[in-house]
Amino acid sequence: FTASLFQKEQFGENYSLIVKYLQEMGHHVIHDHITKVSLKDRQKLDQSKRRSYSKQVMNWIQKADLVVAEMSYPSSVSVGFEATTALEKNKPVLGLYY
């Protein structure tokens, strides 16, 4: 699951509902990097930790059966990049928006 941390304050409850619904359907959902992290926490990461985080996200995408992306915030570069990366790896992407 991916979504914009920039809009977590506005859409965070929706993010949690989406994750909960997917889990209730029996899916294993990787979501802590969105649902349990704030934008301020992410911005505090140094360059090395940002690279490590990016590699981890790419690894999750590689292992995923599909990517669910909450796309209500249109200028979220990371969400678009992650969705595009998933599509390039022939992973289905479910884009949701409010």
N, C-alpha and C. Protein backbone atom coordinates (compact mmCIF):
# COMPACT_ATOMS: atom_id res chain seq x y z
N PHE A 1 0.84 -1.17 0.00
CA PHE A 1 0.00 0.00 0.00
C PHE A 1 0.89 1.23 0.00
N THR A 2 0.51 2.18 -0.82
CA THR A 2 1.24 3.45 -0.83
C THR A 2 0.25 4.59 -0.90
N ALA A 3 0.67 5.72 -0.35
CA ALA A 3 -0.16 6.92 -0.32
C ALA A 3 0.74 8.11 0.00
N SER A 4 0.20 9.29 -0.14
CA SER A 4 0.96 10.51 0.10
C SER A 4 1.04 10.85 1.59
N LEU A 5 2.26 10.98 2.09
CA LEU A 5 2.43 11.45 3.46
C LEU A 5 2.07 12.93 3.57
N PHE A 6 2.19 13.66 2.46
CA PHE A 6 1.84 15.08 2.47
C PHE A 6 0.37 15.28 2.82
N GLN A 7 -0.46 14.34 2.48
CA GLN A 7 -1.90 14.47 2.73
C GLN A 7 -2.41 13.51 3.80
N LYS A 8 -1.50 12.97 4.58
CA LYS A 8 -1.91 12.00 5.60
C LYS A 8 -2.86 12.63 6.62
N GLU A 9 -2.64 13.88 6.95
CA GLU A 9 -3.53 14.53 7.91
C GLU A 9 -4.97 14.57 7.38
N GLN A 10 -5.12 14.84 6.10
CA GLN A 10 -6.44 14.93 5.49
C GLN A 10 -7.04 13.56 5.16
N PHE A 11 -6.21 12.65 4.65
CA PHE A 11 -6.71 11.36 4.16
C PHE A 11 -6.29 10.16 5.00
N GLY A 12 -5.59 10.39 6.10
CA GLY A 12 -5.05 9.29 6.91
C GLY A 12 -6.09 8.29 7.37
N GLU A 13 -7.26 8.77 7.72
CA GLU A 13 -8.32 7.85 8.15
C GLU A 13 -8.72 6.94 6.99
N ASN A 14 -8.78 7.50 5.79
CA ASN A 14 -9.07 6.69 4.61
C ASN A 14 -7.98 5.65 4.38
N TYR A 15 -6.72 6.05 4.55
CA TYR A 15 -5.60 5.11 4.39
C TYR A 15 -5.81 3.91 5.31
N SER A 16 -6.13 4.19 6.58
CA SER A 16 -6.32 3.11 7.55
C SER A 16 -7.50 2.22 7.18
N LEU A 17 -8.59 2.82 6.70
CA LEU A 17 -9.75 2.03 6.28
C LEU A 17 -9.42 1.13 5.09
N ILE A 18 -8.65 1.64 4.15
CA ILE A 18 -8.25 0.83 2.99
C ILE A 18 -7.42 -0.36 3.44
N VAL A 19 -6.43 -0.10 4.29
CA VAL A 19 -5.56 -1.17 4.79
C VAL A 19 -6.39 -2.20 5.55
N LYS A 20 -7.26 -1.73 6.42
CA LYS A 20 -8.09 -2.64 7.21
C LYS A 20 -8.96 -3.51 6.30
N TYR A 21 -9.55 -2.91 5.29
CA TYR A 21 -10.40 -3.67 4.36
C TYR A 21 -9.58 -4.74 3.63
N LEU A 22 -8.41 -4.37 3.14
CA LEU A 22 -7.56 -5.34 2.44
C LEU A 22 -7.16 -6.49 3.36
N GLN A 23 -6.83 -6.16 4.61
CA GLN A 23 -6.46 -7.20 5.57
C GLN A 23 -7.65 -8.11 5.88
N GLU A 24 -8.84 -7.52 6.02
CA GLU A 24 -10.03 -8.33 6.28
C GLU A 24 -10.33 -9.27 5.12
N MET A 25 -9.90 -8.90 3.91
CA MET A 25 -10.06 -9.77 2.75
C MET A 25 -9.00 -10.87 2.70
N GLY A 26 -8.08 -10.85 3.67
CA GLY A 26 -7.06 -11.89 3.76
C GLY A 26 -5.72 -11.54 3.14
N HIS A 27 -5.54 -10.29 2.74
CA HIS A 27 -4.28 -9.88 2.13
C HIS A 27 -3.26 -9.47 3.17
N HIS A 28 -2.00 -9.77 2.90
CA HIS A 28 -0.89 -9.25 3.70
C HIS A 28 -0.56 -7.88 3.13
N VAL A 29 -0.67 -6.84 3.93
CA VAL A 29 -0.51 -5.47 3.44
C VAL A 29 0.69 -4.82 4.13
N ILE A 30 1.66 -4.40 3.33
CA ILE A 30 2.78 -3.64 3.85
C ILE A 30 2.34 -2.18 3.86
N HIS A 31 2.24 -1.60 5.05
CA HIS A 31 1.67 -0.26 5.16
C HIS A 31 2.30 0.61 6.23
N ASP A 32 3.10 0.06 7.13
CA ASP A 32 3.65 0.84 8.24
C ASP A 32 4.43 2.07 7.76
N HIS A 33 5.06 1.96 6.60
CA HIS A 33 5.84 3.09 6.07
C HIS A 33 4.96 4.28 5.71
N ILE A 34 3.66 4.06 5.65
CA ILE A 34 2.69 5.13 5.38
C ILE A 34 1.83 5.39 6.62
N THR A 35 1.24 4.37 7.17
CA THR A 35 0.27 4.56 8.24
C THR A 35 0.90 4.86 9.60
N LYS A 36 2.15 4.50 9.81
CA LYS A 36 2.76 4.69 11.13
C LYS A 36 3.94 5.67 11.12
N VAL A 37 4.08 6.42 10.04
CA VAL A 37 5.18 7.38 9.92
C VAL A 37 4.59 8.74 9.55
N SER A 38 5.18 9.78 10.09
CA SER A 38 4.73 11.13 9.74
C SER A 38 5.65 11.70 8.67
N LEU A 39 5.16 12.73 8.01
CA LEU A 39 5.97 13.42 7.02
C LEU A 39 7.22 14.00 7.67
N LYS A 40 7.07 14.55 8.87
CA LYS A 40 8.23 15.13 9.59
C LYS A 40 9.28 14.06 9.88
N ASP A 41 8.83 12.86 10.28
CA ASP A 41 9.79 11.77 10.53
C ASP A 41 10.56 11.43 9.26
N ARG A 42 9.84 11.34 8.14
CA ARG A 42 10.47 10.99 6.87
C ARG A 42 11.47 12.06 6.44
N GLN A 43 11.11 13.33 6.66
CA GLN A 43 11.97 14.43 6.25
C GLN A 43 13.24 14.51 7.09
N LYS A 44 13.22 13.93 8.28
CA LYS A 44 14.39 13.95 9.15
C LYS A 44 15.46 12.93 8.75
N LEU A 45 15.13 12.01 7.87
CA LEU A 45 16.08 10.97 7.47
C LEU A 45 17.26 11.59 6.73
N ASP A 46 18.45 11.12 7.05
CA ASP A 46 19.62 11.59 6.31
C ASP A 46 19.68 10.89 4.95
N GLN A 47 20.61 11.32 4.12
CA GLN A 47 20.69 10.82 2.74
C GLN A 47 20.85 9.29 2.68
N SER A 48 21.65 8.74 3.55
CA SER A 48 21.88 7.30 3.57
C SER A 48 20.59 6.54 3.91
N LYS A 49 19.87 7.02 4.90
CA LYS A 49 18.62 6.36 5.30
C LYS A 49 17.55 6.53 4.23
N ARG A 50 17.57 7.66 3.52
CA ARG A 50 16.60 7.84 2.42
C ARG A 50 16.87 6.85 1.30
N ARG A 51 18.15 6.63 0.98
CA ARG A 51 18.50 5.65 -0.04
C ARG A 51 18.07 4.25 0.40
N SER A 52 18.33 3.94 1.65
CA SER A 52 17.95 2.63 2.18
C SER A 52 16.44 2.44 2.12
N TYR A 53 15.70 3.47 2.48
CA TYR A 53 14.23 3.41 2.43
C TYR A 53 13.77 3.18 0.99
N SER A 54 14.34 3.92 0.04
CA SER A 54 13.96 3.77 -1.37
C SER A 54 14.22 2.36 -1.86
N LYS A 55 15.37 1.80 -1.48
CA LYS A 55 15.67 0.42 -1.87
C LYS A 55 14.66 -0.55 -1.26
N GLN A 56 14.26 -0.30 -0.02
CA GLN A 56 13.28 -1.17 0.63
C GLN A 56 11.95 -1.12 -0.10
N VAL A 57 11.51 0.08 -0.49
CA VAL A 57 10.25 0.21 -1.22
C VAL A 57 10.33 -0.54 -2.55
N MET A 58 11.44 -0.41 -3.26
CA MET A 58 11.60 -1.13 -4.53
C MET A 58 11.57 -2.64 -4.29
N ASN A 59 12.14 -3.10 -3.19
CA ASN A 59 12.12 -4.52 -2.85
C ASN A 59 10.68 -4.98 -2.57
N TRP A 60 9.93 -4.17 -1.83
CA TRP A 60 8.52 -4.51 -1.56
C TRP A 60 7.74 -4.61 -2.86
N ILE A 61 7.96 -3.67 -3.76
CA ILE A 61 7.25 -3.69 -5.04
C ILE A 61 7.61 -4.96 -5.82
N GLN A 62 8.89 -5.29 -5.83
CA GLN A 62 9.35 -6.49 -6.55
C GLN A 62 8.66 -7.75 -6.03
N LYS A 63 8.46 -7.82 -4.72
CA LYS A 63 7.87 -9.01 -4.11
C LYS A 63 6.34 -9.01 -4.11
N ALA A 64 5.74 -7.86 -4.37
CA ALA A 64 4.29 -7.73 -4.27
C ALA A 64 3.56 -8.43 -5.40
N ASP A 65 2.36 -8.89 -5.09
CA ASP A 65 1.46 -9.42 -6.11
C ASP A 65 0.75 -8.27 -6.82
N LEU A 66 0.50 -7.20 -6.06
CA LEU A 66 -0.11 -6.00 -6.62
C LEU A 66 0.18 -4.82 -5.71
N VAL A 67 -0.02 -3.63 -6.22
CA VAL A 67 0.17 -2.41 -5.45
C VAL A 67 -1.15 -1.66 -5.40
N VAL A 68 -1.55 -1.28 -4.20
CA VAL A 68 -2.73 -0.43 -4.01
C VAL A 68 -2.20 0.95 -3.67
N ALA A 69 -2.58 1.93 -4.49
CA ALA A 69 -2.09 3.30 -4.31
C ALA A 69 -3.25 4.25 -4.11
N GLU A 70 -3.24 4.97 -2.99
CA GLU A 70 -4.24 6.00 -2.74
C GLU A 70 -3.70 7.25 -3.42
N MET A 71 -4.39 7.74 -4.44
CA MET A 71 -3.87 8.80 -5.31
C MET A 71 -4.70 10.08 -5.27
N SER A 72 -5.31 10.39 -4.15
CA SER A 72 -6.13 11.60 -4.06
C SER A 72 -5.32 12.88 -4.18
N TYR A 73 -4.06 12.82 -3.84
CA TYR A 73 -3.20 14.00 -3.90
C TYR A 73 -2.43 13.95 -5.21
N PRO A 74 -2.80 14.75 -6.20
CA PRO A 74 -2.29 14.58 -7.57
C PRO A 74 -0.81 14.85 -7.77
N SER A 75 -0.17 15.61 -6.90
CA SER A 75 1.24 15.92 -7.16
C SER A 75 2.19 15.11 -6.29
N SER A 76 1.74 13.98 -5.84
CA SER A 76 2.59 13.13 -5.01
C SER A 76 3.56 12.34 -5.89
N VAL A 77 4.77 12.83 -5.98
CA VAL A 77 5.77 12.22 -6.84
C VAL A 77 6.06 10.79 -6.44
N SER A 78 6.20 10.53 -5.16
CA SER A 78 6.58 9.19 -4.73
C SER A 78 5.50 8.16 -5.07
N VAL A 79 4.24 8.51 -4.89
CA VAL A 79 3.17 7.57 -5.20
C VAL A 79 3.15 7.27 -6.69
N GLY A 80 3.28 8.30 -7.50
CA GLY A 80 3.31 8.10 -8.95
C GLY A 80 4.50 7.27 -9.38
N PHE A 81 5.65 7.54 -8.79
CA PHE A 81 6.86 6.78 -9.11
C PHE A 81 6.69 5.31 -8.72
N GLU A 82 6.14 5.07 -7.53
CA GLU A 82 5.96 3.69 -7.08
C GLU A 82 4.95 2.96 -7.96
N ALA A 83 3.88 3.63 -8.34
CA ALA A 83 2.88 3.00 -9.22
C ALA A 83 3.50 2.69 -10.58
N THR A 84 4.25 3.63 -11.12
CA THR A 84 4.91 3.42 -12.41
C THR A 84 5.92 2.29 -12.34
N THR A 85 6.69 2.26 -11.27
CA THR A 85 7.67 1.18 -11.08
C THR A 85 6.96 -0.17 -11.05
N ALA A 86 5.86 -0.25 -10.33
CA ALA A 86 5.10 -1.51 -10.25
C ALA A 86 4.61 -1.93 -11.64
N LEU A 87 4.08 -0.97 -12.39
CA LEU A 87 3.59 -1.28 -13.73
C LEU A 87 4.73 -1.75 -14.65
N GLU A 88 5.89 -1.11 -14.52
CA GLU A 88 7.05 -1.52 -15.33
C GLU A 88 7.49 -2.94 -15.00
N LYS A 89 7.20 -3.37 -13.77
CA LYS A 89 7.55 -4.73 -13.35
C LYS A 89 6.37 -5.68 -13.55
N ASN A 90 5.38 -5.24 -14.35
CA ASN A 90 4.19 -6.03 -14.67
C ASN A 90 3.36 -6.40 -13.44
N LYS A 91 3.37 -5.53 -12.45
CA LYS A 91 2.54 -5.73 -11.26
C LYS A 91 1.24 -4.94 -11.46
N PRO A 92 0.11 -5.52 -11.14
CA PRO A 92 -1.14 -4.74 -11.23
C PRO A 92 -1.12 -3.61 -10.19
N VAL A 93 -1.70 -2.49 -10.56
CA VAL A 93 -1.81 -1.35 -9.65
C VAL A 93 -3.28 -0.95 -9.57
N LEU A 94 -3.78 -0.89 -8.35
CA LEU A 94 -5.13 -0.41 -8.11
C LEU A 94 -4.99 1.02 -7.58
N GLY A 95 -5.38 1.99 -8.38
CA GLY A 95 -5.31 3.38 -7.97
C GLY A 95 -6.65 3.83 -7.41
N LEU A 96 -6.63 4.32 -6.20
CA LEU A 96 -7.84 4.79 -5.53
C LEU A 96 -7.72 6.30 -5.30
N TYR A 97 -8.85 6.99 -5.35
CA TYR A 97 -8.84 8.41 -5.03
C TYR A 97 -10.16 8.80 -4.42
N TYR A 98 -10.11 9.85 -3.64
CA TYR A 98 -11.29 10.35 -2.94
C TYR A 98 -12.06 11.30 -3.82
